[in-house]
Structure formats: C-alpha cells, structure tokens
Amino acid sequence: MPEGYCVKCKAKKEISDAVEETMKNGRKAIKGKCPTCGTVMFKILGGKAGTSGSTTAAGGQAAPGA
C-alpha cells in the first residue's frame, strides 16, 4: 500500500482505500483515506501518464529556433 502524509494527524501513514487517478494536467496521483482519522489523503506521483518523446514546446507547437 502507498504511503502519504496526513495533514490532520501530522504524520506519514499508509493510504487506505487507495485509488490511482489521473489529474487533469496528465499527472498520476493516489487518492485514499487516513486509516486513523478518515481524512482524504492525496499523493502526487512522478511523471505524466502517456508521455511521448516529443521535443515540442508547451501548447503543442514547435519551439522557436528549432
């Protein structure tokens, strides 16, 4: 099970009922509950989902001078 930080308990704990989600910016995250207090915990994972090796600038346009 993934581990995250509970803001209410102010401690690192295992995330119960963990579900992997994709945020609207394309990054993966895990959302679940604190086993002690029940507060929603959210951990952002590294990397984007479905990244391609493209060398374009933000917005999908070619970088200037490329």
PDB file of N, CA and C in Angstrom:
ATOM      1  N   MET A   1       0.841  -1.189   0.000  1.00  0.00           N
ATOM      2  CA  MET A   1       0.000   0.000   0.000  1.00  0.00           C
ATOM      3  C   MET A   1       0.881   1.245   0.000  1.00  0.00           C
ATOM      4  N   PRO A   2       0.450   2.301  -0.690  1.00  0.00           N
ATOM      5  CA  PRO A   2       1.240   3.527  -0.758  1.00  0.00           C
ATOM      6  C   PRO A   2       1.209   4.291   0.564  1.00  0.00           C
ATOM      7  N   GLU A   3       2.237   5.058   0.770  1.00  0.00           N
ATOM      8  CA  GLU A   3       2.350   5.854   1.985  1.00  0.00           C
ATOM      9  C   GLU A   3       2.238   7.329   1.631  1.00  0.00           C
ATOM     10  N   GLY A   4       1.530   8.082   2.468  1.00  0.00           N
ATOM     11  CA  GLY A   4       1.354   9.508   2.251  1.00  0.00           C
ATOM     12  C   GLY A   4       1.365  10.251   3.564  1.00  0.00           C
ATOM     13  N   TYR A   5       1.220  11.566   3.508  1.00  0.00           N
ATOM     14  CA  TYR A   5       1.233  12.412   4.698  1.00  0.00           C
ATOM     15  C   TYR A   5      -0.184  12.859   5.021  1.00  0.00           C
ATOM     16  N   CYS A   6      -0.613  12.593   6.256  1.00  0.00           N
ATOM     17  CA  CYS A   6      -1.923  13.047   6.705  1.00  0.00           C
ATOM     18  C   CYS A   6      -1.750  14.414   7.362  1.00  0.00           C
ATOM     19  N   VAL A   7      -2.433  15.416   6.845  1.00  0.00           N
ATOM     20  CA  VAL A   7      -2.300  16.781   7.341  1.00  0.00           C
ATOM     21  C   VAL A   7      -2.936  16.910   8.726  1.00  0.00           C
ATOM     22  N   LYS A   8      -4.021  16.197   8.937  1.00  0.00           N
ATOM     23  CA  LYS A   8      -4.726  16.288  10.214  1.00  0.00           C
ATOM     24  C   LYS A   8      -3.934  15.612  11.342  1.00  0.00           C
ATOM     25  N   CYS A   9      -3.390  14.423  11.070  1.00  0.00           N
ATOM     26  CA  CYS A   9      -2.597  13.687  12.078  1.00  0.00           C
ATOM     27  C   CYS A   9      -1.157  14.195  12.154  1.00  0.00           C
ATOM     28  N   LYS A  10      -0.719  14.912  11.132  1.00  0.00           N
ATOM     29  CA  LYS A  10       0.653  15.410  11.016  1.00  0.00           C
ATOM     30  C   LYS A  10       1.678  14.282  11.095  1.00  0.00           C
ATOM     31  N   ALA A  11       1.411  13.217  10.325  1.00  0.00           N
ATOM     32  CA  ALA A  11       2.305  12.065  10.309  1.00  0.00           C
ATOM     33  C   ALA A  11       2.173  11.318   8.982  1.00  0.00           C
ATOM     34  N   LYS A  12       3.236  10.563   8.629  1.00  0.00           N
ATOM     35  CA  LYS A  12       3.209   9.718   7.444  1.00  0.00           C
ATOM     36  C   LYS A  12       2.473   8.440   7.801  1.00  0.00           C
ATOM     37  N   LYS A  13       1.531   8.058   6.936  1.00  0.00           N
ATOM     38  CA  LYS A  13       0.735   6.855   7.179  1.00  0.00           C
ATOM     39  C   LYS A  13       0.445   6.154   5.867  1.00  0.00           C
ATOM     40  N   GLU A  14       0.059   4.888   5.970  1.00  0.00           N
ATOM     41  CA  GLU A  14      -0.383   4.134   4.805  1.00  0.00           C
ATOM     42  C   GLU A  14      -1.729   4.700   4.340  1.00  0.00           C
ATOM     43  N   ILE A  15      -1.912   4.802   3.031  1.00  0.00           N
ATOM     44  CA  ILE A  15      -3.170   5.300   2.486  1.00  0.00           C
ATOM     45  C   ILE A  15      -4.111   4.111   2.316  1.00  0.00           C
ATOM     46  N   SER A  16      -5.245   4.123   3.038  1.00  0.00           N
ATOM     47  CA  SER A  16      -6.211   3.037   2.886  1.00  0.00           C
ATOM     48  C   SER A  16      -7.228   3.407   1.807  1.00  0.00           C
ATOM     49  N   ASP A  17      -7.844   2.398   1.211  1.00  0.00           N
ATOM     50  CA  ASP A  17      -8.798   2.581   0.107  1.00  0.00           C
ATOM     51  C   ASP A  17      -8.170   3.384  -1.028  1.00  0.00           C
ATOM     52  N   ALA A  18      -6.906   3.104  -1.335  1.00  0.00           N
ATOM     53  CA  ALA A  18      -6.163   3.870  -2.332  1.00  0.00           C
ATOM     54  C   ALA A  18      -6.660   3.575  -3.748  1.00  0.00           C
ATOM     55  N   VAL A  19      -6.826   4.655  -4.523  1.00  0.00           N
ATOM     56  CA  VAL A  19      -7.241   4.561  -5.924  1.00  0.00           C
ATOM     57  C   VAL A  19      -6.305   5.439  -6.736  1.00  0.00           C
ATOM     58  N   GLU A  20      -5.745   4.878  -7.812  1.00  0.00           N
ATOM     59  CA  GLU A  20      -4.869   5.670  -8.682  1.00  0.00           C
ATOM     60  C   GLU A  20      -5.724   6.465  -9.654  1.00  0.00           C
ATOM     61  N   GLU A  21      -5.465   7.758  -9.731  1.00  0.00           N
ATOM     62  CA  GLU A  21      -6.209   8.653 -10.610  1.00  0.00           C
ATOM     63  C   GLU A  21      -5.247   9.405 -11.509  1.00  0.00           C
ATOM     64  N   THR A  22      -5.778   9.989 -12.577  1.00  0.00           N
ATOM     65  CA  THR A  22      -5.012  10.872 -13.442  1.00  0.00           C
ATOM     66  C   THR A  22      -5.612  12.262 -13.303  1.00  0.00           C
ATOM     67  N   MET A  23      -4.787  13.219 -12.899  1.00  0.00           N
ATOM     68  CA  MET A  23      -5.261  14.594 -12.740  1.00  0.00           C
ATOM     69  C   MET A  23      -5.456  15.221 -14.120  1.00  0.00           C
ATOM     70  N   LYS A  24      -6.130  16.358 -14.170  1.00  0.00           N
ATOM     71  CA  LYS A  24      -6.425  16.962 -15.465  1.00  0.00           C
ATOM     72  C   LYS A  24      -5.192  17.497 -16.185  1.00  0.00           C
ATOM     73  N   ASN A  25      -4.064  17.653 -15.474  1.00  0.00           N
ATOM     74  CA  ASN A  25      -2.834  18.064 -16.147  1.00  0.00           C
ATOM     75  C   ASN A  25      -2.056  16.855 -16.665  1.00  0.00           C
ATOM     76  N   GLY A  26      -2.602  15.637 -16.483  1.00  0.00           N
ATOM     77  CA  GLY A  26      -1.986  14.432 -17.015  1.00  0.00           C
ATOM     78  C   GLY A  26      -1.126  13.670 -16.029  1.00  0.00           C
ATOM     79  N   ARG A  27      -0.873  14.212 -14.867  1.00  0.00           N
ATOM     80  CA  ARG A  27      -0.043  13.531 -13.872  1.00  0.00           C
ATOM     81  C   ARG A  27      -0.860  12.502 -13.102  1.00  0.00           C
ATOM     82  N   LYS A  28      -0.177  11.438 -12.672  1.00  0.00           N
ATOM     83  CA  LYS A  28      -0.832  10.402 -11.889  1.00  0.00           C
ATOM     84  C   LYS A  28      -0.796  10.764 -10.411  1.00  0.00           C
ATOM     85  N   ALA A  29      -1.819  10.319  -9.688  1.00  0.00           N
ATOM     86  CA  ALA A  29      -1.902  10.574  -8.254  1.00  0.00           C
ATOM     87  C   ALA A  29      -2.633   9.415  -7.591  1.00  0.00           C
ATOM     88  N   ILE A  30      -2.456   9.289  -6.279  1.00  0.00           N
ATOM     89  CA  ILE A  30      -3.167   8.292  -5.499  1.00  0.00           C
ATOM     90  C   ILE A  30      -4.024   9.017  -4.484  1.00  0.00           C
ATOM     91  N   LYS A  31      -5.291   8.623  -4.421  1.00  0.00           N
ATOM     92  CA  LYS A  31      -6.245   9.242  -3.508  1.00  0.00           C
ATOM     93  C   LYS A  31      -6.815   8.148  -2.612  1.00  0.00           C
ATOM     94  N   GLY A  32      -6.906   8.438  -1.323  1.00  0.00           N
ATOM     95  CA  GLY A  32      -7.447   7.466  -0.385  1.00  0.00           C
ATOM     96  C   GLY A  32      -7.769   8.135   0.937  1.00  0.00           C
ATOM     97  N   LYS A  33      -7.835   7.327   2.002  1.00  0.00           N
ATOM     98  CA  LYS A  33      -8.185   7.848   3.320  1.00  0.00           C
ATOM     99  C   LYS A  33      -7.124   7.495   4.343  1.00  0.00           C
ATOM    100  N   CYS A  34      -7.027   8.328   5.367  1.00  0.00           N
ATOM    101  CA  CYS A  34      -6.147   8.062   6.501  1.00  0.00           C
ATOM    102  C   CYS A  34      -6.804   6.963   7.336  1.00  0.00           C
ATOM    103  N   PRO A  35      -6.066   5.915   7.707  1.00  0.00           N
ATOM    104  CA  PRO A  35      -6.664   4.836   8.482  1.00  0.00           C
ATOM    105  C   PRO A  35      -7.046   5.236   9.905  1.00  0.00           C
ATOM    106  N   THR A  36      -6.450   6.304  10.431  1.00  0.00           N
ATOM    107  CA  THR A  36      -6.722   6.736  11.800  1.00  0.00           C
ATOM    108  C   THR A  36      -7.901   7.687  11.891  1.00  0.00           C
ATOM    109  N   CYS A  37      -7.854   8.785  11.117  1.00  0.00           N
ATOM    110  CA  CYS A  37      -8.871   9.831  11.267  1.00  0.00           C
ATOM    111  C   CYS A  37      -9.885   9.872  10.123  1.00  0.00           C
ATOM    112  N   GLY A  38      -9.607   9.203   9.001  1.00  0.00           N
ATOM    113  CA  GLY A  38     -10.544   9.167   7.889  1.00  0.00           C
ATOM    114  C   GLY A  38     -10.458  10.340   6.933  1.00  0.00           C
ATOM    115  N   THR A  39      -9.503  11.249   7.149  1.00  0.00           N
ATOM    116  CA  THR A  39      -9.322  12.396   6.267  1.00  0.00           C
ATOM    117  C   THR A  39      -8.824  11.929   4.900  1.00  0.00           C
ATOM    118  N   VAL A  40      -9.252  12.604   3.840  1.00  0.00           N
ATOM    119  CA  VAL A  40      -8.807  12.269   2.488  1.00  0.00           C
ATOM    120  C   VAL A  40      -7.329  12.606   2.351  1.00  0.00           C
ATOM    121  N   MET A  41      -6.565  11.631   1.851  1.00  0.00           N
ATOM    122  CA  MET A  41      -5.136  11.823   1.592  1.00  0.00           C
ATOM    123  C   MET A  41      -4.925  11.778   0.084  1.00  0.00           C
ATOM    124  N   PHE A  42      -3.990  12.578  -0.401  1.00  0.00           N
ATOM    125  CA  PHE A  42      -3.733  12.698  -1.835  1.00  0.00           C
ATOM    126  C   PHE A  42      -2.230  12.740  -2.039  1.00  0.00           C
ATOM    127  N   LYS A  43      -1.704  11.815  -2.833  1.00  0.00           N
ATOM    128  CA  LYS A  43      -0.264  11.786  -3.108  1.00  0.00           C
ATOM    129  C   LYS A  43      -0.046  11.878  -4.609  1.00  0.00           C
ATOM    130  N   ILE A  44       0.728  12.880  -5.019  1.00  0.00           N
ATOM    131  CA  ILE A  44       1.036  13.076  -6.435  1.00  0.00           C
ATOM    132  C   ILE A  44       2.251  12.225  -6.777  1.00  0.00           C
ATOM    133  N   LEU A  45       2.125  11.412  -7.824  1.00  0.00           N
ATOM    134  CA  LEU A  45       3.209  10.540  -8.264  1.00  0.00           C
ATOM    135  C   LEU A  45       4.016  11.236  -9.349  1.00  0.00           C
ATOM    136  N   GLY A  46       5.234  10.805  -9.556  1.00  0.00           N
ATOM    137  CA  GLY A  46       6.100  11.416 -10.551  1.00  0.00           C
ATOM    138  C   GLY A  46       5.712  11.032 -11.959  1.00  0.00           C
ATOM    139  N   GLY A  47       5.996  11.895 -12.893  1.00  0.00           N
ATOM    140  CA  GLY A  47       5.790  11.614 -14.309  1.00  0.00           C
ATOM    141  C   GLY A  47       4.372  11.834 -14.776  1.00  0.00           C
ATOM    142  N   LYS A  48       4.230  12.004 -16.070  1.00  0.00           N
ATOM    143  CA  LYS A  48       2.907  12.177 -16.670  1.00  0.00           C
ATOM    144  C   LYS A  48       2.449  10.851 -17.254  1.00  0.00           C
ATOM    145  N   ALA A  49       1.172  10.668 -17.319  1.00  0.00           N
ATOM    146  CA  ALA A  49       0.594   9.466 -17.918  1.00  0.00           C
ATOM    147  C   ALA A  49       0.638   9.595 -19.431  1.00  0.00           C
ATOM    148  N   GLY A  50       1.171   8.588 -20.110  1.00  0.00           N
ATOM    149  CA  GLY A  50       1.168   8.582 -21.570  1.00  0.00           C
ATOM    150  C   GLY A  50       2.054   9.636 -22.187  1.00  0.00           C
ATOM    151  N   THR A  51       3.244   9.848 -21.616  1.00  0.00           N
ATOM    152  CA  THR A  51       4.144  10.851 -22.180  1.00  0.00           C
ATOM    153  C   THR A  51       4.754  10.337 -23.475  1.00  0.00           C
ATOM    154  N   SER A  52       4.911  11.221 -24.428  1.00  0.00           N
ATOM    155  CA  SER A  52       5.568  10.871 -25.677  1.00  0.00           C
ATOM    156  C   SER A  52       6.908  11.599 -25.729  1.00  0.00           C
ATOM    157  N   GLY A  53       7.833  11.088 -26.483  1.00  0.00           N
ATOM    158  CA  GLY A  53       9.167  11.666 -26.558  1.00  0.00           C
ATOM    159  C   GLY A  53       9.230  12.878 -27.466  1.00  0.00           C
ATOM    160  N   SER A  54       8.218  13.669 -27.501  1.00  0.00           N
ATOM    161  CA  SER A  54       8.147  14.832 -28.373  1.00  0.00           C
ATOM    162  C   SER A  54       9.055  15.953 -27.880  1.00  0.00           C
ATOM    163  N   THR A  55       9.627  16.716 -28.794  1.00  0.00           N
ATOM    164  CA  THR A  55      10.502  17.828 -28.428  1.00  0.00           C
ATOM    165  C   THR A  55       9.827  19.154 -28.748  1.00  0.00           C
ATOM    166  N   THR A  56       8.525  19.220 -28.567  1.00  0.00           N
ATOM    167  CA  THR A  56       7.807  20.455 -28.838  1.00  0.00           C
ATOM    168  C   THR A  56       7.644  21.252 -27.551  1.00  0.00           C
ATOM    169  N   ALA A  57       7.460  22.545 -27.695  1.00  0.00           N
ATOM    170  CA  ALA A  57       7.235  23.409 -26.542  1.00  0.00           C
ATOM    171  C   ALA A  57       5.809  23.243 -26.062  1.00  0.00           C
ATOM    172  N   ALA A  58       5.497  23.843 -24.931  1.00  0.00           N
ATOM    173  CA  ALA A  58       4.147  23.761 -24.391  1.00  0.00           C
ATOM    174  C   ALA A  58       3.146  24.317 -25.396  1.00  0.00           C
ATOM    175  N   GLY A  59       1.997  23.705 -25.460  1.00  0.00           N
ATOM    176  CA  GLY A  59       0.987  24.137 -26.414  1.00  0.00           C
ATOM    177  C   GLY A  59       1.009  23.336 -27.707  1.00  0.00           C
ATOM    178  N   GLY A  60       1.950  22.381 -27.803  1.00  0.00           N
ATOM    179  CA  GLY A  60       1.998  21.518 -28.968  1.00  0.00           C
ATOM    180  C   GLY A  60       2.588  22.152 -30.214  1.00  0.00           C
ATOM    181  N   GLN A  61       3.201  23.334 -30.093  1.00  0.00           N
ATOM    182  CA  GLN A  61       3.816  23.986 -31.234  1.00  0.00           C
ATOM    183  C   GLN A  61       5.319  23.802 -31.165  1.00  0.00           C
ATOM    184  N   ALA A  62       5.961  23.850 -32.303  1.00  0.00           N
ATOM    185  CA  ALA A  62       7.411  23.700 -32.332  1.00  0.00           C
ATOM    186  C   ALA A  62       8.081  24.861 -31.604  1.00  0.00           C
ATOM    187  N   ALA A  63       9.167  24.536 -30.915  1.00  0.00           N
ATOM    188  CA  ALA A  63       9.894  25.572 -30.179  1.00  0.00           C
ATOM    189  C   ALA A  63      10.535  26.552 -31.159  1.00  0.00           C
ATOM    190  N   PRO A  64      10.575  27.842 -30.819  1.00  0.00           N
ATOM    191  CA  PRO A  64      11.197  28.823 -31.706  1.00  0.00           C
ATOM    192  C   PRO A  64      12.689  28.524 -31.892  1.00  0.00           C
ATOM    193  N   GLY A  65      13.146  28.628 -33.093  1.00  0.00           N
ATOM    194  CA  GLY A  65      14.558  28.394 -33.392  1.00  0.00           C
ATOM    195  C   GLY A  65      14.887  26.926 -33.541  1.00  0.00           C
ATOM    196  N   ALA A  66      13.884  26.076 -33.588  1.00  0.00           N
ATOM    197  CA  ALA A  66      14.146  24.634 -33.701  1.00  0.00           C
ATOM    198  C   ALA A  66      14.017  24.157 -35.116  1.00  0.00           C
TER     199      ALA A  66
END
